[in-house]
Protein backbone atom coordinates (compact mmCIF):
# COMPACT_ATOMS: atom_id res chain seq x y z
CA MET A 1 58.97 -48.68 56.18
CA LYS A 2 55.75 -49.57 54.83
CA LYS A 3 53.37 -46.72 56.89
CA LEU A 4 56.34 -43.87 55.06
CA GLY A 5 55.34 -45.73 51.56
CA MET A 6 51.43 -45.40 52.31
CA LYS A 7 52.43 -41.99 52.98
CA THR A 8 53.73 -40.93 50.34
CA GLY A 9 51.59 -42.55 48.56
CA LEU A 10 48.91 -40.53 49.93
CA PHE A 11 50.72 -37.66 49.55
CA ALA A 12 50.57 -37.83 46.10
CA LEU A 13 47.37 -39.15 45.18
CA CYS A 14 46.25 -35.30 46.89
CA GLY A 15 49.31 -33.61 44.63
CA ILE A 16 46.96 -35.07 42.02
CA PHE A 17 43.37 -34.92 43.27
CA VAL A 18 44.50 -30.24 43.65
CA GLY A 19 46.04 -30.13 41.12
CA GLY A 20 43.17 -31.91 38.72
CA PHE A 21 40.78 -29.22 40.22
CA VAL A 22 43.31 -26.19 39.93
CA LEU A 23 43.71 -27.39 35.78
CA VAL A 24 39.65 -28.02 36.07
CA LEU A 25 39.28 -24.60 37.98
CA GLY A 26 41.31 -22.87 35.72
CA MET A 27 39.57 -23.99 33.30
CA THR A 28 36.22 -23.14 33.94
CA LEU A 29 37.33 -19.35 34.58
CA ALA A 30 38.76 -19.09 31.37
CA THR A 31 35.77 -20.05 29.48
CA ARG A 32 33.38 -17.58 31.84
CA LEU A 33 35.73 -14.73 30.89
CA MET A 34 35.50 -15.18 27.16
CA SER A 35 31.85 -15.56 27.31
CA TRP A 36 31.88 -11.75 28.98
CA PRO A 37 30.52 -9.28 27.13
CA LEU A 38 33.81 -7.33 27.46
CA TYR A 39 35.45 -9.89 25.23
CA ARG A 40 32.35 -10.44 22.98
CA GLN A 41 32.61 -5.99 22.78
CA ASN A 42 36.64 -6.22 21.59
CA ILE A 43 35.64 -8.60 18.91
CA ASN A 44 33.29 -6.64 17.41
CA LEU A 45 34.99 -3.49 17.98
CA ASN A 46 37.51 -4.38 16.35
CA SER A 47 36.26 -6.08 13.02
CA THR A 48 33.84 -2.98 13.05
CA SER A 49 35.08 0.76 11.44
CA ASP A 50 33.34 3.40 11.74
CA GLN A 51 30.64 5.16 9.39
CA ASN A 52 29.67 8.70 9.00
CA TYR A 53 26.48 9.70 7.91
CA PHE A 54 24.30 12.22 6.42
CA SER A 55 20.73 13.05 5.54
CA ALA A 56 18.63 15.59 3.41
CA GLU A 57 14.91 16.16 3.04
CA GLY A 58 13.35 17.08 0.04
CA LYS A 59 9.26 18.57 -0.30
CA ALA A 60 7.15 19.00 -3.34
CA VAL A 61 3.58 19.37 -2.95
CA VAL A 62 1.64 19.41 -6.25
CA ASN A 63 -1.96 20.65 -6.70
CA SER A 64 -4.52 19.37 -8.91
CA VAL A 65 -7.75 19.22 -10.24
CA PRO A 66 -10.15 15.77 -9.43
CA ASP A 67 -11.11 13.94 -12.16
CA GLU A 68 -14.03 11.80 -11.06
CA VAL A 69 -17.13 12.33 -9.14
CA THR A 70 -19.85 10.47 -7.02
CA VAL A 71 -23.35 12.29 -6.04
CA ASN A 72 -25.69 9.95 -4.28
CA LEU A 73 -29.85 10.45 -5.26
CA GLY A 74 -32.43 8.99 -3.31
CA VAL A 75 -35.71 7.60 -3.54
CA THR A 76 -38.55 7.60 -0.04
CA GLN A 77 -41.48 7.18 -0.04
CA THR A 78 -44.27 5.65 2.66
CA GLU A 79 -47.68 4.18 1.27
CA LYS A 80 -49.51 1.84 3.40
CA THR A 81 -49.32 -1.38 2.18
CA VAL A 82 -45.42 -2.61 1.07
CA GLU A 83 -46.63 -3.38 -2.23
CA ILE A 84 -48.12 0.12 -3.15
CA ALA A 85 -44.50 2.01 -1.51
CA GLN A 86 -42.14 -0.31 -3.79
CA ALA A 87 -44.32 -0.39 -7.27
CA GLN A 88 -43.81 3.90 -6.66
CA VAL A 89 -40.12 3.77 -5.52
CA ASN A 90 -39.12 1.14 -8.19
CA GLN A 91 -41.01 3.30 -10.91
CA THR A 92 -38.68 6.37 -9.82
CA ILE A 93 -36.51 4.90 -9.66
CA GLU A 94 -36.77 3.46 -13.33
CA ASN A 95 -37.47 6.66 -14.52
CA ILE A 96 -34.23 8.19 -12.81
CA LYS A 97 -32.52 6.08 -14.41
CA THR A 98 -33.05 6.11 -18.35
CA ASN A 99 -33.38 10.05 -17.83
CA LEU A 100 -29.77 10.09 -16.56
CA GLN A 101 -28.48 7.66 -19.55
CA ASN A 102 -30.24 10.03 -22.01
CA LEU A 103 -27.98 12.30 -20.11
CA GLY A 104 -24.98 10.65 -21.70
CA VAL A 105 -24.04 8.34 -17.84
CA GLU A 106 -22.91 4.91 -18.43
CA LYS A 107 -25.24 2.73 -16.98
CA GLN A 108 -22.64 0.76 -15.17
CA ASN A 109 -21.95 3.76 -13.00
CA ILE A 110 -25.18 4.21 -11.60
CA GLN A 111 -25.28 1.50 -9.04
CA THR A 112 -27.49 0.82 -6.86
CA GLN A 113 -26.23 1.33 -2.51
CA ASN A 114 -29.03 0.42 -0.24
CA TYR A 115 -32.83 -0.98 -0.09
CA SER A 116 -35.15 -1.12 3.11
CA VAL A 117 -38.09 -1.56 3.58
CA TYR A 118 -39.82 -0.89 6.94
CA PRO A 119 -43.38 0.20 9.15
CA SER A 120 -44.26 3.31 10.11
CA TYR A 121 -46.06 4.03 13.50
CA ASP A 122 -49.31 5.91 14.86
CA TRP A 123 -48.43 6.55 18.72
CA SER A 124 -51.36 8.52 19.26
CA GLN A 125 -53.21 6.70 21.37
CA ASN A 126 -50.38 5.44 22.80
CA VAL A 127 -50.45 1.39 21.17
CA GLU A 128 -48.46 0.60 18.58
CA LYS A 129 -49.88 0.85 15.14
CA ILE A 130 -48.94 0.01 11.96
CA VAL A 131 -50.07 2.56 8.69
CA GLY A 132 -47.82 1.72 6.52
CA TYR A 133 -45.00 1.45 5.09
CA THR A 134 -41.88 2.97 4.47
CA VAL A 135 -39.24 2.41 1.31
CA SER A 136 -36.33 3.56 0.41
CA THR A 137 -33.10 3.33 -2.34
CA ASP A 138 -30.39 5.20 -3.21
CA LEU A 139 -28.14 5.66 -6.42
CA GLU A 140 -24.70 6.24 -6.56
CA VAL A 141 -24.14 8.48 -10.42
CA LYS A 142 -20.53 8.02 -10.82
CA LEU A 143 -19.03 10.46 -13.29
CA THR A 144 -15.73 11.70 -15.41
CA ASP A 145 -17.96 14.35 -17.26
CA PHE A 146 -18.61 17.37 -14.25
CA ASP A 147 -20.10 19.12 -16.94
CA LEU A 148 -23.44 16.81 -16.04
CA LEU A 149 -23.28 16.67 -12.44
CA ASN A 150 -25.87 19.60 -12.50
CA GLN A 151 -27.54 17.89 -14.80
CA VAL A 152 -28.02 14.36 -12.71
CA ILE A 153 -28.60 16.09 -10.00
CA ASP A 154 -31.73 18.36 -11.52
CA VAL A 155 -32.82 15.52 -13.89
CA ALA A 156 -32.94 13.36 -10.51
CA ALA A 157 -35.02 16.13 -8.82
CA SER A 158 -37.70 16.56 -11.34
CA ASN A 159 -38.24 12.62 -11.77
CA GLY A 160 -38.53 12.47 -8.26
CA ALA A 161 -35.69 11.92 -5.97
CA ASN A 162 -36.65 13.30 -2.69
CA GLN A 163 -32.73 13.14 -0.66
CA ILE A 164 -30.05 14.54 -2.81
CA GLY A 165 -26.91 14.71 -0.85
CA GLY A 166 -23.05 13.32 -0.59
CA VAL A 167 -21.34 15.05 -3.37
CA ASN A 168 -17.89 14.14 -3.63
CA PHE A 169 -14.86 14.61 -5.73
CA SER A 170 -12.35 12.50 -5.54
CA LEU A 171 -8.89 11.95 -7.86
CA SER A 172 -8.02 8.39 -9.53
CA GLU A 173 -6.03 5.98 -9.19
CA THR A 174 -4.57 6.74 -12.04
CA LYS A 175 -4.28 10.07 -11.47
CA GLN A 176 -2.76 9.53 -8.10
CA GLU A 177 -0.18 8.28 -9.50
CA GLU A 178 0.61 10.90 -11.89
CA LEU A 179 0.65 13.11 -9.14
CA LYS A 180 2.59 10.78 -6.52
CA LYS A 181 5.00 9.88 -9.24
CA GLU A 182 5.36 14.26 -10.27
CA ALA A 183 5.64 14.80 -6.00
CA ARG A 184 8.46 12.21 -6.28
CA GLN A 185 10.58 13.58 -8.90
CA GLU A 186 10.49 17.15 -7.52
CA ALA A 187 11.57 16.41 -4.29
CA ILE A 188 14.14 14.07 -4.45
CA ALA A 189 15.60 16.79 -6.93
CA GLN A 190 15.45 18.94 -4.05
CA ALA A 191 16.72 16.54 -1.59
CA LYS A 192 19.81 16.30 -4.15
CA SER A 193 20.24 19.99 -4.61
CA ASN A 194 19.89 20.50 -0.67
CA ALA A 195 22.66 17.66 -0.25
CA GLN A 196 25.38 18.56 -2.62
CA GLU A 197 25.12 22.81 -1.11
CA LEU A 198 24.73 21.83 2.68
CA ALA A 199 27.93 19.34 2.51
CA GLN A 200 29.70 21.82 0.39
CA LEU A 201 29.09 24.59 2.44
CA THR A 202 30.36 22.24 5.60
CA GLY A 203 33.12 20.27 3.27
CA ILE A 204 31.91 17.04 3.80
CA LYS A 205 32.40 15.36 0.54
CA LEU A 206 29.49 12.70 -0.17
CA ASP A 207 29.73 9.06 -0.80
CA ARG A 208 26.86 7.29 -2.38
CA ILE A 209 22.71 7.41 -1.13
CA ILE A 210 22.53 4.08 1.06
CA ASN A 211 18.48 4.98 1.92
CA VAL A 212 15.67 6.54 0.28
CA TYR A 213 12.94 7.69 3.96
CA GLU A 214 9.47 8.89 2.22
CA TYR A 215 6.12 9.85 3.46
CA THR A 216 3.10 11.85 2.79
CA ASP A 217 1.84 14.56 5.24
CA SER A 218 -1.79 11.89 5.55
CA ASP A 219 -1.37 9.08 7.19
CA THR A 220 -3.70 7.15 4.46
CA ASN A 221 -3.31 6.24 1.07
CA ALA A 222 -7.67 6.85 0.97
CA ASN A 223 -7.22 10.65 2.30
CA LEU A 224 -3.99 12.00 1.01
CA PHE A 225 -6.31 14.04 -1.11
CA SER A 226 -8.32 17.54 0.46
CA SER A 227 -10.14 19.05 -2.10
CA LYS A 228 -12.65 21.78 -1.66
CA MET A 229 -16.77 22.11 -2.94
CA ALA A 230 -18.49 25.08 -4.07
CA VAL A 231 -22.17 24.55 -4.19
CA ALA A 232 -24.62 27.51 -4.89
CA GLU A 233 -28.54 25.85 -5.68
CA ASP A 234 -30.70 28.83 -6.92
CA ALA A 235 -34.81 27.59 -8.01
CA ALA A 236 -33.98 29.63 -11.34
CA ALA A 237 -31.32 28.52 -12.33
CA GLY A 238 -30.93 25.90 -11.30
CA THR A 239 -28.12 23.62 -9.40
CA THR A 240 -24.41 24.71 -9.83
CA ILE A 241 -21.71 22.83 -8.03
CA GLU A 242 -18.63 23.38 -9.28
CA ALA A 243 -15.29 20.97 -8.11
CA GLY A 244 -12.48 22.88 -5.81
CA GLU A 245 -8.75 21.65 -5.98
CA ALA A 246 -7.09 18.11 -4.74
CA SER A 247 -3.52 18.15 -3.34
CA TYR A 248 -0.76 15.74 -2.56
CA THR A 249 2.39 16.22 -0.57
CA TYR A 250 5.29 14.06 -0.71
CA HIS A 251 8.05 14.26 2.13
CA VAL A 252 11.87 12.53 0.73
CA ASN A 253 14.86 11.93 3.05
CA LEU A 254 18.45 10.60 1.05
CA THR A 255 20.98 9.62 3.82
CA TYR A 256 24.83 9.29 2.00
CA SER A 257 27.46 8.42 3.41
CA THR A 258 30.41 10.51 3.59
CA ASN A 259 34.22 9.80 3.52
């Protein structure tokens, strides 16, 4: 009887152990099933409603004449000593500045950009020999009155400037913002018109704008504008430089939700 009781107890303990193992295994499998992507996907699908979208684009090109111009005026002088070269260059620069201000150019718009001193060599005897020194400096002149541009170049040349160039027409920040605002308004109006027309033709009912994307044809704001410059020089007539036309191209894409 004792042996039978012991066997019965062992069987009961084994049954409890197996039952516990099956229970743990079942709970583990259930947890794994609930964490599978298919289960999560069903939850998301049930909680997300389908939404249709409709997009339309508008484009505007605005042209304008540049309202700023800069010109570089250079003076280079070579003499036997640094002191003589510097004195001559400094005197020439002061004469140019004075005459430019007499023309009506404001002092703050005449800026020194570079100033360099370097030796000049003679290699005729296959020996490095310093025979003099070259002093060079540049002035950058900024103008908003284009009528002064040709006079500035002529006055600078007549007062000793021997390097003239770098004439660059541009649009001021204020002008750029004005053109951007004008182009943006035109492009958005065109995009809305396109959206209404296409929606009407295709039977789509537009709801509201849910996204706006804008861009220009240029990669950087510094190069949004392009200008052309016409240059003609005649010894008798003097310098003649005229500004071309600058353009700003703007795109906008509007995305609508639909009913």
